[in-house]
Protein backbone atom coordinates (compact mmCIF):
# COMPACT_ATOMS: atom_id res chain seq x y z
CA MET A 1 60.19 -53.32 128.16
CA PHE A 2 59.37 -50.03 126.52
CA PRO A 3 57.17 -47.05 127.36
CA SER A 4 53.67 -47.81 126.10
CA PHE A 5 52.94 -46.89 122.47
CA GLU A 6 50.21 -47.47 119.90
CA LEU A 7 51.09 -50.03 117.23
CA LEU A 8 50.82 -48.79 113.64
CA ARG A 9 49.01 -51.31 111.47
CA PRO A 10 49.80 -51.66 107.74
CA HIS A 11 46.12 -52.55 107.21
CA PRO A 12 43.20 -52.99 109.65
CA ASP A 13 43.39 -56.80 109.82
CA ALA A 14 47.20 -57.12 110.09
CA ILE A 15 47.33 -57.29 113.89
CA ALA A 16 45.01 -59.18 116.21
CA ILE A 17 44.69 -59.12 119.99
CA TYR A 18 44.05 -61.91 122.44
CA SER A 19 43.23 -61.28 126.08
CA ARG A 20 43.72 -63.50 129.12
CA PRO A 21 43.07 -62.83 132.81
CA ASN A 22 45.96 -62.35 135.22
CA SER A 23 46.06 -61.71 138.96
CA ASN A 24 45.78 -57.92 138.48
CA GLY A 25 43.36 -57.62 135.56
CA ARG A 26 44.26 -58.94 132.15
CA THR A 27 47.10 -59.30 129.66
CA GLU A 28 46.50 -58.23 126.07
CA GLY A 29 48.76 -59.88 123.50
CA TYR A 30 49.22 -58.42 120.01
CA PHE A 31 50.21 -60.72 117.15
CA CYS A 32 50.54 -60.82 113.34
CA THR A 33 47.47 -62.39 111.71
CA ASN A 34 49.57 -63.55 108.74
CA CYS A 35 52.32 -65.54 110.51
CA GLY A 36 51.19 -65.64 114.15
CA THR A 37 54.32 -63.93 115.50
CA ARG A 38 53.74 -62.37 118.90
CA ILE A 39 54.67 -58.68 118.80
CA TYR A 40 54.09 -57.35 122.30
CA HIS A 41 51.87 -57.62 125.33
CA LYS A 42 50.62 -55.14 127.88
CA PHE A 43 48.81 -55.33 131.19
CA VAL A 44 45.41 -53.74 131.80
CA SER A 45 43.99 -53.27 135.30
CA PRO A 46 40.39 -54.23 136.18
CA ASP A 47 39.32 -50.58 135.77
CA GLY A 48 40.77 -50.50 132.22
CA THR A 49 43.94 -48.56 133.02
CA GLU A 50 46.83 -49.67 130.81
CA ALA A 51 50.32 -50.15 132.26
CA ALA A 52 52.84 -47.42 131.43
CA THR A 53 55.12 -49.99 129.79
CA LEU A 54 54.70 -52.89 127.42
CA SER A 55 56.82 -55.94 126.68
CA VAL A 56 58.05 -56.13 123.09
CA LYS A 57 59.11 -59.55 121.81
CA SER A 58 62.72 -58.87 120.80
CA GLY A 59 62.71 -61.47 118.03
CA CYS A 60 60.39 -59.26 115.99
CA LEU A 61 62.70 -56.22 116.06
CA ASP A 62 65.15 -55.39 113.27
CA GLY A 63 68.49 -53.78 113.93
CA ILE A 64 69.01 -54.78 117.57
CA THR A 65 72.52 -53.76 118.64
CA LYS A 66 74.68 -54.92 121.54
CA GLU A 67 74.34 -51.45 123.08
CA MET A 68 70.55 -51.70 122.91
CA MET A 69 70.72 -55.08 124.65
CA ARG A 70 72.94 -53.61 127.39
CA SER A 71 70.54 -50.73 128.04
CA ALA A 72 67.35 -52.85 127.88
CA LYS A 73 65.51 -54.23 130.89
CA HIS A 74 65.73 -58.01 130.74
CA ILE A 75 62.72 -59.64 132.38
CA TRP A 76 62.03 -63.30 133.15
CA ALA A 77 65.79 -63.86 132.95
CA LYS A 78 65.49 -67.20 134.72
CA SER A 79 64.06 -68.46 131.41
CA ALA A 80 66.52 -66.62 129.14
CA ILE A 81 67.66 -68.40 125.98
CA VAL A 82 70.12 -65.69 124.93
CA ASP A 83 73.14 -64.27 126.73
CA ILE A 84 72.35 -61.21 128.83
CA PRO A 85 75.15 -58.63 128.77
CA GLU A 86 77.04 -58.04 132.00
CA GLY A 87 75.83 -54.91 133.77
CA ALA A 88 72.36 -54.98 132.19
CA GLU A 89 69.24 -54.39 134.31
CA VAL A 90 67.94 -57.92 134.99
CA TYR A 91 64.84 -59.33 136.69
CA GLU A 92 64.55 -63.07 137.25
CA GLU A 93 60.77 -62.76 136.89
CA GLU A 94 58.31 -59.87 136.48
CA PRO A 95 59.82 -56.52 137.56
CA PRO A 96 58.17 -54.52 140.36
CA GLY A 97 55.20 -52.63 138.95
CA GLY A 98 55.20 -54.73 135.77
CA GLY A 99 51.49 -55.34 136.13
CA GLY A 100 51.41 -59.09 135.78
CA GLU A 101 52.38 -60.08 139.28
């Protein structure tokens, strides 16, 4: 999870958004229109307020280091398919205040 940021688009049609309802508003997912790779998702409350953080799909990041993995928040760890470093901040499901609970 990262502090919320605006995604820079190489051209206007490069990134598309899908939206689905959740128990506290909706989830907006951003993905590449060329290959379909999911990039990140964020939660939006019913009044349109966006969560302060967003969830970046780590497989789409270049240059991930072991130190970055140790300092990252690991969410939905009960479904993890990679090793989570010892001592990392871990949540078995959605962290408190994550917006999707």
